[in-house]
């Protein structure tokens, strides 16, 4: 009988050890999944931030290009350039291109041609980056909203990003940081 009691005690201890090992394995698995999910969210969030930064750089270069073209046009066409001061960047580039067509001496200037051409290239780059950024925002938002990842997103404070358009980039980024 003593042997039976000892055998039962050993079986219970082994069962407890087995349960403890299973609990530890489960906890480690869950922690591994949480870390992996959080890392995926960070990668997606970094992709959003990186593309947003790219757009900011393109917009800055675009604005510098417009300013350079306006400075060149201003040398001989002050009245036309003064009239363009109040219009938006995209419309301003279109007007500068038109100005180059309207005044052949301006349009034939290699520097002016190059600057206007660079402006159109940068405008395309901004548009392409906007599409990529919105795609990154979509992937990020989908990831943090899907169950059970939304639990991890809530724990670590990941918030939904706002889709942007490049005309309102800075205002959209301010709204995005508040959510």
Foldseek 3Di string as FASTA:
>chain_A
DVVVVVVVVVVVVVVVVVVVVVVVVVVVVVVVVLVVLVVVLVVLVVQLVVLLVVLVVLVVLLVVLLVVLLVLCCVPPVVQSVVLPPDDSVVSLVSSCVVCVVDVVSVVPPVNVVSSVVNVVSVVVSVVSLVSSQVSLVVSQVSCPDPPNVVSCVVVVPDRADRDDSVCSVVSVVVRVVD
